Amino acid sequence: MVATVYTRPGCRVCEEALSELALIGTEFPDLRVATVDIDQDDELLKRYLERIPVVVIDGDEISDLVLDADAVRARLLNS
C-alpha cells in the first residue's frame, strides 16, 4: 500500500503530516509513503498549491491541508 503525499519544500504542515504517516506506518507495516514535490510540475502546482499536504491512497484523495489520521487509518483498514 502506498500513500502519496503531495508536498513542497519548506512546508511545515507537510513535514508534520509525514511524521504522522510514519507513526501510522508502525501500525500498518505494509504502508509505504512516497512524496511528490509539486514545485516540479506546473499542473500539480496549480492543482494542489492551496491544499498541501494532500494524501492519496490508491488514487483516492484521503486528506488535504491537515492530515486526517483517522481517515487514513480507515482507508488502510478497508484495503
PDB file of N, CA and C in Angstrom:
ATOM      1  N   MET A   1       0.849  -1.169   0.000  1.00  0.00           N
ATOM      2  CA  MET A   1       0.000   0.000   0.000  1.00  0.00           C
ATOM      3  C   MET A   1       0.894   1.230   0.000  1.00  0.00           C
ATOM      4  N   VAL A   2       0.587   2.166  -0.893  1.00  0.00           N
ATOM      5  CA  VAL A   2       1.377   3.395  -0.998  1.00  0.00           C
ATOM      6  C   VAL A   2       0.499   4.603  -0.711  1.00  0.00           C
ATOM      7  N   ALA A   3       0.968   5.434   0.198  1.00  0.00           N
ATOM      8  CA  ALA A   3       0.343   6.731   0.439  1.00  0.00           C
ATOM      9  C   ALA A   3       1.237   7.761  -0.238  1.00  0.00           C
ATOM     10  N   THR A   4       0.688   8.458  -1.212  1.00  0.00           N
ATOM     11  CA  THR A   4       1.427   9.502  -1.906  1.00  0.00           C
ATOM     12  C   THR A   4       1.067  10.838  -1.282  1.00  0.00           C
ATOM     13  N   VAL A   5       2.087  11.578  -0.911  1.00  0.00           N
ATOM     14  CA  VAL A   5       1.878  12.880  -0.272  1.00  0.00           C
ATOM     15  C   VAL A   5       2.396  13.957  -1.220  1.00  0.00           C
ATOM     16  N   TYR A   6       1.495  14.825  -1.655  1.00  0.00           N
ATOM     17  CA  TYR A   6       1.868  15.965  -2.489  1.00  0.00           C
ATOM     18  C   TYR A   6       2.292  17.081  -1.554  1.00  0.00           C
ATOM     19  N   THR A   7       3.488  17.578  -1.775  1.00  0.00           N
ATOM     20  CA  THR A   7       4.117  18.499  -0.843  1.00  0.00           C
ATOM     21  C   THR A   7       5.004  19.480  -1.601  1.00  0.00           C
ATOM     22  N   ARG A   8       5.681  20.328  -0.864  1.00  0.00           N
ATOM     23  CA  ARG A   8       6.706  21.196  -1.454  1.00  0.00           C
ATOM     24  C   ARG A   8       7.718  21.538  -0.370  1.00  0.00           C
ATOM     25  N   PRO A   9       8.931  21.872  -0.764  1.00  0.00           N
ATOM     26  CA  PRO A   9       9.973  22.181   0.213  1.00  0.00           C
ATOM     27  C   PRO A   9       9.551  23.326   1.139  1.00  0.00           C
ATOM     28  N   GLY A  10       9.909  23.178   2.406  1.00  0.00           N
ATOM     29  CA  GLY A  10       9.641  24.225   3.378  1.00  0.00           C
ATOM     30  C   GLY A  10       8.238  24.233   3.947  1.00  0.00           C
ATOM     31  N   CYS A  11       7.432  23.256   3.584  1.00  0.00           N
ATOM     32  CA  CYS A  11       6.046  23.186   4.071  1.00  0.00           C
ATOM     33  C   CYS A  11       6.028  22.510   5.441  1.00  0.00           C
ATOM     34  N   ARG A  12       5.853  23.308   6.474  1.00  0.00           N
ATOM     35  CA  ARG A  12       5.853  22.790   7.848  1.00  0.00           C
ATOM     36  C   ARG A  12       4.706  21.816   8.086  1.00  0.00           C
ATOM     37  N   VAL A  13       3.539  22.130   7.566  1.00  0.00           N
ATOM     38  CA  VAL A  13       2.375  21.254   7.736  1.00  0.00           C
ATOM     39  C   VAL A  13       2.620  19.924   7.029  1.00  0.00           C
ATOM     40  N   CYS A  14       3.320  19.977   5.892  1.00  0.00           N
ATOM     41  CA  CYS A  14       3.655  18.750   5.163  1.00  0.00           C
ATOM     42  C   CYS A  14       4.593  17.873   5.989  1.00  0.00           C
ATOM     43  N   GLU A  15       5.570  18.497   6.609  1.00  0.00           N
ATOM     44  CA  GLU A  15       6.508  17.754   7.449  1.00  0.00           C
ATOM     45  C   GLU A  15       5.788  17.087   8.613  1.00  0.00           C
ATOM     46  N   GLU A  16       4.826  17.792   9.205  1.00  0.00           N
ATOM     47  CA  GLU A  16       4.038  17.216  10.294  1.00  0.00           C
ATOM     48  C   GLU A  16       3.220  16.026   9.792  1.00  0.00           C
ATOM     49  N   ALA A  17       2.636  16.156   8.609  1.00  0.00           N
ATOM     50  CA  ALA A  17       1.852  15.061   8.039  1.00  0.00           C
ATOM     51  C   ALA A  17       2.735  13.847   7.773  1.00  0.00           C
ATOM     52  N   LEU A  18       3.925  14.068   7.266  1.00  0.00           N
ATOM     53  CA  LEU A  18       4.845  12.959   7.004  1.00  0.00           C
ATOM     54  C   LEU A  18       5.260  12.269   8.301  1.00  0.00           C
ATOM     55  N   SER A  19       5.462  13.031   9.351  1.00  0.00           N
ATOM     56  CA  SER A  19       5.788  12.442  10.655  1.00  0.00           C
ATOM     57  C   SER A  19       4.640  11.585  11.169  1.00  0.00           C
ATOM     58  N   GLU A  20       3.428  12.097  11.038  1.00  0.00           N
ATOM     59  CA  GLU A  20       2.246  11.343  11.477  1.00  0.00           C
ATOM     60  C   GLU A  20       2.073  10.075  10.641  1.00  0.00           C
ATOM     61  N   LEU A  21       2.320  10.179   9.342  1.00  0.00           N
ATOM     62  CA  LEU A  21       2.226   8.987   8.483  1.00  0.00           C
ATOM     63  C   LEU A  21       3.274   7.952   8.870  1.00  0.00           C
ATOM     64  N   ALA A  22       4.438   8.391   9.298  1.00  0.00           N
ATOM     65  CA  ALA A  22       5.463   7.458   9.768  1.00  0.00           C
ATOM     66  C   ALA A  22       4.965   6.702  10.994  1.00  0.00           C
ATOM     67  N   LEU A  23       4.273   7.397  11.887  1.00  0.00           N
ATOM     68  CA  LEU A  23       3.691   6.738  13.061  1.00  0.00           C
ATOM     69  C   LEU A  23       2.603   5.754  12.651  1.00  0.00           C
ATOM     70  N   ILE A  24       1.766   6.151  11.726  1.00  0.00           N
ATOM     71  CA  ILE A  24       0.716   5.261  11.225  1.00  0.00           C
ATOM     72  C   ILE A  24       1.355   4.024  10.588  1.00  0.00           C
ATOM     73  N   GLY A  25       2.496   4.229   9.942  1.00  0.00           N
ATOM     74  CA  GLY A  25       3.212   3.117   9.323  1.00  0.00           C
ATOM     75  C   GLY A  25       3.642   2.061  10.319  1.00  0.00           C
ATOM     76  N   THR A  26       3.820   2.424  11.588  1.00  0.00           N
ATOM     77  CA  THR A  26       4.163   1.415  12.594  1.00  0.00           C
ATOM     78  C   THR A  26       2.971   0.495  12.870  1.00  0.00           C
ATOM     79  N   GLU A  27       1.761   0.994  12.624  1.00  0.00           N
ATOM     80  CA  GLU A  27       0.550   0.188  12.790  1.00  0.00           C
ATOM     81  C   GLU A  27       0.241  -0.634  11.536  1.00  0.00           C
ATOM     82  N   PHE A  28       0.697  -0.147  10.400  1.00  0.00           N
ATOM     83  CA  PHE A  28       0.437  -0.776   9.106  1.00  0.00           C
ATOM     84  C   PHE A  28       1.781  -0.992   8.396  1.00  0.00           C
ATOM     85  N   PRO A  29       2.467  -2.102   8.708  1.00  0.00           N
ATOM     86  CA  PRO A  29       3.814  -2.310   8.181  1.00  0.00           C
ATOM     87  C   PRO A  29       3.908  -2.357   6.657  1.00  0.00           C
ATOM     88  N   ASP A  30       2.817  -2.617   5.968  1.00  0.00           N
ATOM     89  CA  ASP A  30       2.839  -2.660   4.507  1.00  0.00           C
ATOM     90  C   ASP A  30       2.736  -1.269   3.882  1.00  0.00           C
ATOM     91  N   LEU A  31       2.527  -0.257   4.689  1.00  0.00           N
ATOM     92  CA  LEU A  31       2.384   1.103   4.174  1.00  0.00           C
ATOM     93  C   LEU A  31       3.736   1.666   3.768  1.00  0.00           C
ATOM     94  N   ARG A  32       3.786   2.176   2.551  1.00  0.00           N
ATOM     95  CA  ARG A  32       4.947   2.931   2.077  1.00  0.00           C
ATOM     96  C   ARG A  32       4.473   4.354   1.801  1.00  0.00           C
ATOM     97  N   VAL A  33       5.322   5.306   2.110  1.00  0.00           N
ATOM     98  CA  VAL A  33       4.984   6.708   1.885  1.00  0.00           C
ATOM     99  C   VAL A  33       5.903   7.252   0.799  1.00  0.00           C
ATOM    100  N   ALA A  34       5.294   7.825  -0.233  1.00  0.00           N
ATOM    101  CA  ALA A  34       6.043   8.459  -1.320  1.00  0.00           C
ATOM    102  C   ALA A  34       5.676   9.932  -1.333  1.00  0.00           C
ATOM    103  N   THR A  35       6.638  10.772  -1.625  1.00  0.00           N
ATOM    104  CA  THR A  35       6.363  12.203  -1.707  1.00  0.00           C
ATOM    105  C   THR A  35       6.524  12.681  -3.147  1.00  0.00           C
ATOM    106  N   VAL A  36       5.711  13.665  -3.483  1.00  0.00           N
ATOM    107  CA  VAL A  36       5.790  14.303  -4.795  1.00  0.00           C
ATOM    108  C   VAL A  36       5.908  15.803  -4.554  1.00  0.00           C
ATOM    109  N   ASP A  37       6.983  16.382  -5.064  1.00  0.00           N
ATOM    110  CA  ASP A  37       7.223  17.822  -4.943  1.00  0.00           C
ATOM    111  C   ASP A  37       6.424  18.525  -6.041  1.00  0.00           C
ATOM    112  N   ILE A  38       5.376  19.238  -5.643  1.00  0.00           N
ATOM    113  CA  ILE A  38       4.506  19.878  -6.634  1.00  0.00           C
ATOM    114  C   ILE A  38       5.207  21.011  -7.371  1.00  0.00           C
ATOM    115  N   ASP A  39       6.307  21.514  -6.815  1.00  0.00           N
ATOM    116  CA  ASP A  39       7.047  22.576  -7.498  1.00  0.00           C
ATOM    117  C   ASP A  39       7.676  22.090  -8.802  1.00  0.00           C
ATOM    118  N   GLN A  40       7.779  20.783  -8.976  1.00  0.00           N
ATOM    119  CA  GLN A  40       8.421  20.213 -10.159  1.00  0.00           C
ATOM    120  C   GLN A  40       7.467  20.027 -11.340  1.00  0.00           C
ATOM    121  N   ASP A  41       6.179  20.327 -11.131  1.00  0.00           N
ATOM    122  CA  ASP A  41       5.185  20.100 -12.178  1.00  0.00           C
ATOM    123  C   ASP A  41       4.137  21.207 -12.111  1.00  0.00           C
ATOM    124  N   ASP A  42       4.037  22.007 -13.170  1.00  0.00           N
ATOM    125  CA  ASP A  42       3.112  23.149 -13.171  1.00  0.00           C
ATOM    126  C   ASP A  42       1.663  22.740 -12.923  1.00  0.00           C
ATOM    127  N   GLU A  43       1.240  21.621 -13.483  1.00  0.00           N
ATOM    128  CA  GLU A  43      -0.144  21.166 -13.287  1.00  0.00           C
ATOM    129  C   GLU A  43      -0.401  20.790 -11.827  1.00  0.00           C
ATOM    130  N   LEU A  44       0.544  20.073 -11.233  1.00  0.00           N
ATOM    131  CA  LEU A  44       0.393  19.711  -9.822  1.00  0.00           C
ATOM    132  C   LEU A  44       0.418  20.952  -8.941  1.00  0.00           C
ATOM    133  N   LEU A  45       1.253  21.905  -9.293  1.00  0.00           N
ATOM    134  CA  LEU A  45       1.317  23.150  -8.522  1.00  0.00           C
ATOM    135  C   LEU A  45      -0.021  23.867  -8.555  1.00  0.00           C
ATOM    136  N   LYS A  46      -0.619  23.974  -9.725  1.00  0.00           N
ATOM    137  CA  LYS A  46      -1.943  24.608  -9.846  1.00  0.00           C
ATOM    138  C   LYS A  46      -2.998  23.835  -9.069  1.00  0.00           C
ATOM    139  N   ARG A  47      -2.943  22.513  -9.157  1.00  0.00           N
ATOM    140  CA  ARG A  47      -3.973  21.669  -8.556  1.00  0.00           C
ATOM    141  C   ARG A  47      -3.907  21.640  -7.030  1.00  0.00           C
ATOM    142  N   TYR A  48      -2.686  21.611  -6.488  1.00  0.00           N
ATOM    143  CA  TYR A  48      -2.535  21.335  -5.062  1.00  0.00           C
ATOM    144  C   TYR A  48      -1.979  22.475  -4.209  1.00  0.00           C
ATOM    145  N   LEU A  49      -1.526  23.572  -4.800  1.00  0.00           N
ATOM    146  CA  LEU A  49      -0.817  24.602  -4.046  1.00  0.00           C
ATOM    147  C   LEU A  49      -1.540  25.048  -2.784  1.00  0.00           C
ATOM    148  N   GLU A  50      -2.815  25.308  -2.885  1.00  0.00           N
ATOM    149  CA  GLU A  50      -3.570  25.815  -1.730  1.00  0.00           C
ATOM    150  C   GLU A  50      -4.056  24.699  -0.809  1.00  0.00           C
ATOM    151  N   ARG A  51      -3.718  23.438  -1.131  1.00  0.00           N
ATOM    152  CA  ARG A  51      -4.276  22.318  -0.373  1.00  0.00           C
ATOM    153  C   ARG A  51      -3.237  21.420   0.278  1.00  0.00           C
ATOM    154  N   ILE A  52      -1.948  21.647   0.029  1.00  0.00           N
ATOM    155  CA  ILE A  52      -0.942  20.719   0.535  1.00  0.00           C
ATOM    156  C   ILE A  52      -0.887  20.738   2.052  1.00  0.00           C
ATOM    157  N   PRO A  53      -0.567  19.611   2.649  1.00  0.00           N
ATOM    158  CA  PRO A  53      -0.282  18.333   2.030  1.00  0.00           C
ATOM    159  C   PRO A  53      -1.566  17.615   1.612  1.00  0.00           C
ATOM    160  N   VAL A  54      -1.506  16.968   0.484  1.00  0.00           N
ATOM    161  CA  VAL A  54      -2.611  16.139   0.005  1.00  0.00           C
ATOM    162  C   VAL A  54      -2.127  14.695   0.060  1.00  0.00           C
ATOM    163  N   VAL A  55      -2.919  13.828   0.698  1.00  0.00           N
ATOM    164  CA  VAL A  55      -2.571  12.413   0.809  1.00  0.00           C
ATOM    165  C   VAL A  55      -3.505  11.618  -0.083  1.00  0.00           C
ATOM    166  N   VAL A  56      -2.902  10.825  -0.968  1.00  0.00           N
ATOM    167  CA  VAL A  56      -3.650   9.995  -1.913  1.00  0.00           C
ATOM    168  C   VAL A  56      -3.263   8.532  -1.680  1.00  0.00           C
ATOM    169  N   ILE A  57      -4.271   7.687  -1.543  1.00  0.00           N
ATOM    170  CA  ILE A  57      -4.045   6.246  -1.402  1.00  0.00           C
ATOM    171  C   ILE A  57      -4.855   5.552  -2.474  1.00  0.00           C
ATOM    172  N   ASP A  58      -4.168   4.781  -3.292  1.00  0.00           N
ATOM    173  CA  ASP A  58      -4.810   4.053  -4.394  1.00  0.00           C
ATOM    174  C   ASP A  58      -5.681   4.961  -5.260  1.00  0.00           C
ATOM    175  N   GLY A  59      -5.201   6.153  -5.539  1.00  0.00           N
ATOM    176  CA  GLY A  59      -5.915   7.072  -6.412  1.00  0.00           C
ATOM    177  C   GLY A  59      -7.005   7.888  -5.749  1.00  0.00           C
ATOM    178  N   ASP A  60      -7.260   7.633  -4.478  1.00  0.00           N
ATOM    179  CA  ASP A  60      -8.297   8.369  -3.746  1.00  0.00           C
ATOM    180  C   ASP A  60      -7.659   9.413  -2.842  1.00  0.00           C
ATOM    181  N   GLU A  61      -8.102  10.664  -2.976  1.00  0.00           N
ATOM    182  CA  GLU A  61      -7.644  11.702  -2.064  1.00  0.00           C
ATOM    183  C   GLU A  61      -8.296  11.466  -0.711  1.00  0.00           C
ATOM    184  N   ILE A  62      -7.455  11.225   0.277  1.00  0.00           N
ATOM    185  CA  ILE A  62      -7.943  10.887   1.611  1.00  0.00           C
ATOM    186  C   ILE A  62      -7.940  12.099   2.532  1.00  0.00           C
ATOM    187  N   SER A  63      -6.981  12.989   2.335  1.00  0.00           N
ATOM    188  CA  SER A  63      -6.820  14.100   3.267  1.00  0.00           C
ATOM    189  C   SER A  63      -6.127  15.253   2.560  1.00  0.00           C
ATOM    190  N   ASP A  64      -6.465  16.482   2.960  1.00  0.00           N
ATOM    191  CA  ASP A  64      -5.734  17.646   2.478  1.00  0.00           C
ATOM    192  C   ASP A  64      -5.695  18.719   3.567  1.00  0.00           C
ATOM    193  N   LEU A  65      -4.766  19.627   3.417  1.00  0.00           N
ATOM    194  CA  LEU A  65      -4.494  20.733   4.345  1.00  0.00           C
ATOM    195  C   LEU A  65      -3.919  20.266   5.680  1.00  0.00           C
ATOM    196  N   VAL A  66      -4.668  19.549   6.448  1.00  0.00           N
ATOM    197  CA  VAL A  66      -4.207  18.984   7.721  1.00  0.00           C
ATOM    198  C   VAL A  66      -4.493  17.494   7.666  1.00  0.00           C
ATOM    199  N   LEU A  67      -3.488  16.693   7.981  1.00  0.00           N
ATOM    200  CA  LEU A  67      -3.659  15.244   7.878  1.00  0.00           C
ATOM    201  C   LEU A  67      -4.814  14.765   8.747  1.00  0.00           C
ATOM    202  N   ASP A  68      -5.725  14.037   8.128  1.00  0.00           N
ATOM    203  CA  ASP A  68      -6.813  13.392   8.842  1.00  0.00           C
ATOM    204  C   ASP A  68      -6.376  11.952   9.095  1.00  0.00           C
ATOM    205  N   ALA A  69      -5.697  11.748  10.215  1.00  0.00           N
ATOM    206  CA  ALA A  69      -5.128  10.443  10.542  1.00  0.00           C
ATOM    207  C   ALA A  69      -6.208   9.373  10.641  1.00  0.00           C
ATOM    208  N   ASP A  70      -7.368   9.719  11.163  1.00  0.00           N
ATOM    209  CA  ASP A  70      -8.456   8.740  11.274  1.00  0.00           C
ATOM    210  C   ASP A  70      -8.923   8.282   9.897  1.00  0.00           C
ATOM    211  N   ALA A  71      -9.013   9.208   8.952  1.00  0.00           N
ATOM    212  CA  ALA A  71      -9.430   8.850   7.586  1.00  0.00           C
ATOM    213  C   ALA A  71      -8.374   7.969   6.919  1.00  0.00           C
ATOM    214  N   VAL A  72      -7.115   8.274   7.164  1.00  0.00           N
ATOM    215  CA  VAL A  72      -6.037   7.447   6.604  1.00  0.00           C
ATOM    216  C   VAL A  72      -6.120   6.033   7.173  1.00  0.00           C
ATOM    217  N   ARG A  73      -6.237   5.939   8.500  1.00  0.00           N
ATOM    218  CA  ARG A  73      -6.336   4.609   9.125  1.00  0.00           C
ATOM    219  C   ARG A  73      -7.547   3.844   8.606  1.00  0.00           C
ATOM    220  N   ALA A  74      -8.680   4.508   8.492  1.00  0.00           N
ATOM    221  CA  ALA A  74      -9.886   3.844   7.995  1.00  0.00           C
ATOM    222  C   ALA A  74      -9.673   3.330   6.579  1.00  0.00           C
ATOM    223  N   ARG A  75      -9.030   4.119   5.749  1.00  0.00           N
ATOM    224  CA  ARG A  75      -8.775   3.705   4.374  1.00  0.00           C
ATOM    225  C   ARG A  75      -7.834   2.505   4.332  1.00  0.00           C
ATOM    226  N   LEU A  76      -6.823   2.509   5.192  1.00  0.00           N
ATOM    227  CA  LEU A  76      -5.877   1.397   5.228  1.00  0.00           C
ATOM    228  C   LEU A  76      -6.533   0.128   5.761  1.00  0.00           C
ATOM    229  N   LEU A  77      -7.427   0.274   6.720  1.00  0.00           N
ATOM    230  CA  LEU A  77      -8.135  -0.890   7.251  1.00  0.00           C
ATOM    231  C   LEU A  77      -9.068  -1.515   6.211  1.00  0.00           C
ATOM    232  N   ASN A  78      -9.592  -0.702   5.316  1.00  0.00           N
ATOM    233  CA  ASN A  78     -10.534  -1.188   4.311  1.00  0.00           C
ATOM    234  C   ASN A  78      -9.866  -1.588   3.009  1.00  0.00           C
ATOM    235  N   SER A  79      -8.555  -1.636   3.003  1.00  0.00           N
ATOM    236  CA  SER A  79      -7.838  -2.004   1.766  1.00  0.00           C
ATOM    237  C   SER A  79      -7.448  -3.453   1.763  1.00  0.00           C
TER     238      SER A  79
END
